[in-house]
Amino acid sequence: MDDTTRTPALREWAVVWDAVLAGRQVLDIRKGGIHETGKHFAVRAPRFWLYPGTEHQRADLLKPEALPALDRVLREAPPKETIRIEGWAELVATAEVSEAVPLLALDDEFVWSSEYAAQRLNWKPRHPLHLLVLRAHRLAEPIEVPWREEYRGCTSWADLIDLPADPTAASAAPVLDDDAFAARLDIVRRTLGDGALRPLGAALSSRG
């Protein structure tokens, strides 16, 4: 039996995690990867590492403001056999979005272009888009771990080896202070309307 400890990490474009870890963005949008179990996204954990992916990043699906960051993360990316983890996130709340109006209203909260958000919404249109509200923490020092064949695949989550099982055990600091994060959360809540955001407990109880 394999007793190796694995800890969940959420995959996203490296340029997006860069924005999240800079405090520019507190949201992520998911529908599940093409190799996802059940073909749908599900919340795996209340806290997770941020796994930066360099594949599939497209400049034409980013706002112009994010293009210098894209150039930088590509230029500074570690070798392909290495994963550099620069932070982790606490999942604060989730929402399900089934139409374009809320996404357009939240456009200023993303570094993606509005076209990207529309593409994600329209992919598998019978299923809602999951909006994740994240409280990000940047590590005092990045952690580099070896890439493994088992991490391959178009899935939202990867179970990483060689990392602390509990992200809170690592030396890190929130990228936004309490007041700044509360203000951003309030923008999302007011934009989506009363009752649209589900707190962490509800998101976890509905996974599977």
Protein backbone atom coordinates (compact mmCIF):
# COMPACT_ATOMS: atom_id res chain seq x y z
CA MET A 1 0.00 0.00 0.00
CA ASP A 2 1.25 3.51 -0.86
CA ASP A 3 1.40 5.57 2.34
CA THR A 4 2.86 8.65 0.63
CA THR A 5 1.16 11.84 1.78
CA ARG A 6 -0.50 13.76 -1.02
CA THR A 7 -2.02 17.20 -0.69
CA PRO A 8 -4.46 18.86 -3.11
CA ALA A 9 -3.39 21.67 -5.40
CA LEU A 10 -5.66 23.60 -7.74
CA ARG A 11 -4.33 24.08 -11.26
CA GLU A 12 -4.69 27.39 -13.03
CA TRP A 13 -2.77 29.47 -15.55
CA ALA A 14 0.42 30.74 -13.93
CA VAL A 15 -0.47 34.30 -14.89
CA VAL A 16 -3.79 34.00 -13.06
CA TRP A 17 -2.19 32.67 -9.87
CA ASP A 18 0.30 35.52 -10.21
CA ALA A 19 -2.63 37.97 -10.16
CA VAL A 20 -4.24 36.17 -7.22
CA LEU A 21 -0.98 36.25 -5.26
CA ALA A 22 -0.61 39.96 -6.04
CA GLY A 23 -4.09 40.70 -4.67
CA ARG A 24 -5.34 41.76 -8.11
CA GLN A 25 -7.86 38.92 -8.31
CA VAL A 26 -9.75 37.00 -5.59
CA LEU A 27 -11.82 34.83 -7.92
CA ASP A 28 -11.35 31.70 -9.98
CA ILE A 29 -13.86 30.16 -12.39
CA ARG A 30 -14.11 26.43 -13.01
CA LYS A 31 -16.10 23.90 -15.00
CA GLY A 32 -13.81 20.92 -14.68
CA GLY A 33 -11.11 19.60 -16.99
CA ILE A 34 -11.76 17.19 -19.83
CA HIS A 35 -10.25 14.36 -17.76
CA GLU A 36 -12.16 15.33 -14.60
CA THR A 37 -13.78 12.54 -12.60
CA GLY A 38 -17.45 12.73 -13.53
CA LYS A 39 -16.56 15.51 -16.01
CA HIS A 40 -17.58 18.12 -13.41
CA PHE A 41 -15.70 20.34 -11.00
CA ALA A 42 -15.96 19.57 -7.28
CA VAL A 43 -14.39 21.24 -4.28
CA ARG A 44 -11.73 18.99 -2.79
CA ALA A 45 -10.52 20.87 0.28
CA PRO A 46 -10.99 24.09 2.27
CA ARG A 47 -7.33 25.04 1.75
CA PHE A 48 -5.08 24.06 -1.12
CA TRP A 49 -1.83 24.86 -2.88
CA LEU A 50 -1.86 26.97 -6.04
CA TYR A 51 -0.40 24.93 -8.91
CA PRO A 52 0.73 27.25 -11.73
CA GLY A 53 0.31 25.84 -15.20
CA THR A 54 2.24 27.29 -18.12
CA GLU A 55 0.48 25.29 -20.84
CA HIS A 56 -2.60 26.61 -22.63
CA GLN A 57 -2.06 30.21 -21.50
CA ARG A 58 -3.26 32.53 -24.25
CA ALA A 59 -2.46 36.20 -24.51
CA ASP A 60 -5.60 36.86 -26.54
CA LEU A 61 -7.75 35.69 -23.61
CA LEU A 62 -6.18 38.11 -21.13
CA LYS A 63 -6.74 41.80 -20.53
CA PRO A 64 -3.91 43.99 -21.87
CA GLU A 65 -2.87 44.82 -18.29
CA ALA A 66 -1.96 41.16 -17.72
CA LEU A 67 0.31 40.76 -20.73
CA PRO A 68 3.51 41.98 -19.02
CA ALA A 69 2.84 39.50 -16.20
CA LEU A 70 2.34 36.72 -18.75
CA ASP A 71 5.70 37.53 -20.34
CA ARG A 72 7.32 37.53 -16.91
CA VAL A 73 5.89 34.23 -15.65
CA LEU A 74 6.87 32.53 -18.90
CA ARG A 75 10.37 33.99 -18.74
CA GLU A 76 10.85 33.09 -15.07
CA ALA A 77 9.19 29.66 -15.18
CA PRO A 78 11.23 26.82 -13.66
CA PRO A 79 12.38 23.87 -15.79
CA LYS A 80 9.56 21.61 -16.99
CA GLU A 81 10.52 18.90 -14.51
CA THR A 82 9.95 21.31 -11.60
CA ILE A 83 6.79 22.82 -10.10
CA ARG A 84 7.26 26.09 -8.24
CA ILE A 85 4.60 26.72 -5.61
CA GLU A 86 4.39 30.33 -4.46
CA GLY A 87 1.28 30.25 -2.33
CA TRP A 88 -1.91 28.65 -1.15
CA ALA A 89 -5.53 29.71 -0.87
CA GLU A 90 -8.42 29.35 1.51
CA LEU A 91 -11.76 28.82 -0.19
CA VAL A 92 -14.11 31.36 1.39
CA ALA A 93 -17.26 30.91 -0.70
CA THR A 94 -18.56 29.60 -4.01
CA ALA A 95 -21.36 30.45 -6.41
CA GLU A 96 -22.86 28.81 -9.48
CA VAL A 97 -23.28 31.01 -12.54
CA SER A 98 -25.48 29.98 -15.46
CA GLU A 99 -25.73 33.19 -17.47
CA ALA A 100 -23.38 35.84 -18.79
CA VAL A 101 -24.77 38.89 -16.96
CA PRO A 102 -23.04 38.24 -13.58
CA LEU A 103 -19.73 37.47 -15.27
CA LEU A 104 -19.86 40.67 -17.29
CA ALA A 105 -20.67 42.61 -14.12
CA LEU A 106 -17.60 41.09 -12.44
CA ASP A 107 -15.32 41.72 -15.42
CA ASP A 108 -13.15 44.21 -13.53
CA GLU A 109 -12.38 41.48 -10.96
CA PHE A 110 -10.63 39.24 -13.53
CA VAL A 111 -7.42 39.46 -15.52
CA TRP A 112 -9.06 37.23 -18.14
CA SER A 113 -10.81 38.89 -21.03
CA SER A 114 -14.60 38.85 -21.13
CA GLU A 115 -14.28 36.44 -24.07
CA TYR A 116 -12.54 33.90 -21.85
CA ALA A 117 -15.28 34.04 -19.23
CA ALA A 118 -17.92 33.60 -21.93
CA GLN A 119 -16.06 30.61 -23.38
CA ARG A 120 -15.93 28.93 -19.99
CA LEU A 121 -19.62 29.57 -19.41
CA ASN A 122 -20.63 28.24 -22.83
CA TRP A 123 -18.52 25.07 -22.59
CA LYS A 124 -20.87 22.28 -21.50
CA PRO A 125 -23.72 24.83 -21.27
CA ARG A 126 -26.04 22.48 -19.39
CA HIS A 127 -23.74 22.75 -16.38
CA PRO A 128 -23.15 25.93 -14.35
CA LEU A 129 -19.84 27.67 -13.99
CA HIS A 130 -18.34 27.51 -10.50
CA LEU A 131 -17.11 30.82 -9.12
CA LEU A 132 -14.59 30.43 -6.28
CA VAL A 133 -13.78 33.23 -3.83
CA LEU A 134 -10.19 32.74 -2.63
CA ARG A 135 -8.21 34.24 0.25
CA ALA A 136 -4.67 33.86 -1.03
CA HIS A 137 -1.48 33.58 1.03
CA ARG A 138 1.99 34.08 -0.45
CA LEU A 139 4.81 31.90 0.84
CA ALA A 140 7.79 33.61 2.44
CA GLU A 141 9.91 31.47 0.11
CA PRO A 142 8.62 29.51 -2.92
CA ILE A 143 8.69 25.72 -2.67
CA GLU A 144 9.94 23.74 -5.66
CA VAL A 145 8.90 20.11 -6.03
CA PRO A 146 9.61 17.63 -8.84
CA TRP A 147 7.02 17.15 -11.53
CA ARG A 148 5.73 13.57 -11.66
CA GLU A 149 4.02 11.64 -14.42
CA GLU A 150 0.96 11.15 -12.22
CA TYR A 151 0.32 14.91 -12.35
CA ARG A 152 -0.27 14.79 -16.10
CA GLY A 153 -3.79 15.41 -17.40
CA CYS A 154 -6.44 18.07 -17.89
CA THR A 155 -7.89 18.03 -14.39
CA SER A 156 -8.62 20.86 -11.97
CA TRP A 157 -6.81 19.18 -9.10
CA ALA A 158 -3.46 17.48 -8.65
CA ASP A 159 -2.48 15.56 -5.53
CA LEU A 160 1.07 16.73 -4.94
CA ILE A 161 3.83 14.92 -3.07
CA ASP A 162 6.73 16.67 -1.30
CA LEU A 163 4.61 19.49 0.17
CA PRO A 164 3.31 20.05 3.70
CA ALA A 165 -0.07 18.33 4.02
CA ASP A 166 -1.46 21.45 5.71
CA PRO A 167 -0.64 24.67 3.83
CA THR A 168 -1.05 26.70 7.01
CA ALA A 169 2.09 25.01 8.37
CA ALA A 170 4.21 26.91 5.84
CA SER A 171 5.46 30.43 6.49
CA ALA A 172 3.14 32.69 4.50
CA ALA A 173 1.13 35.91 4.73
CA PRO A 174 -2.26 36.89 3.29
CA VAL A 175 -1.88 39.01 0.18
CA LEU A 176 -4.77 41.27 1.25
CA ASP A 177 -5.41 42.42 4.79
CA ASP A 178 -8.77 41.70 6.41
CA ASP A 179 -10.38 45.00 5.43
CA ALA A 180 -9.18 44.87 1.83
CA PHE A 181 -10.35 41.30 1.37
CA ALA A 182 -13.73 42.05 2.98
CA ALA A 183 -14.20 44.92 0.53
CA ARG A 184 -13.50 42.66 -2.45
CA LEU A 185 -15.81 39.97 -1.09
CA ASP A 186 -18.54 42.59 -0.68
CA ILE A 187 -18.19 43.57 -4.35
CA VAL A 188 -18.75 39.97 -5.39
CA ARG A 189 -21.67 39.51 -3.00
CA ARG A 190 -23.44 42.70 -4.13
CA THR A 191 -22.86 41.90 -7.79
CA LEU A 192 -24.27 38.37 -7.57
CA GLY A 193 -27.16 39.28 -5.29
CA ASP A 194 -28.40 38.02 -1.96
CA GLY A 195 -27.97 34.31 -1.37
CA ALA A 196 -25.89 33.59 -4.47
CA LEU A 197 -22.64 33.05 -2.57
CA ARG A 198 -22.43 29.83 -0.56
CA PRO A 199 -20.05 29.72 2.39
CA LEU A 200 -17.28 27.15 2.54
CA GLY A 201 -19.27 24.52 4.46
CA ALA A 202 -22.01 24.39 1.83
CA ALA A 203 -19.46 24.01 -0.96
CA LEU A 204 -17.77 21.08 0.76
CA SER A 205 -21.01 19.32 1.65
CA SER A 206 -22.09 19.30 -2.00
CA ARG A 207 -18.88 17.88 -3.44
CA GLY A 208 -18.68 14.50 -5.07
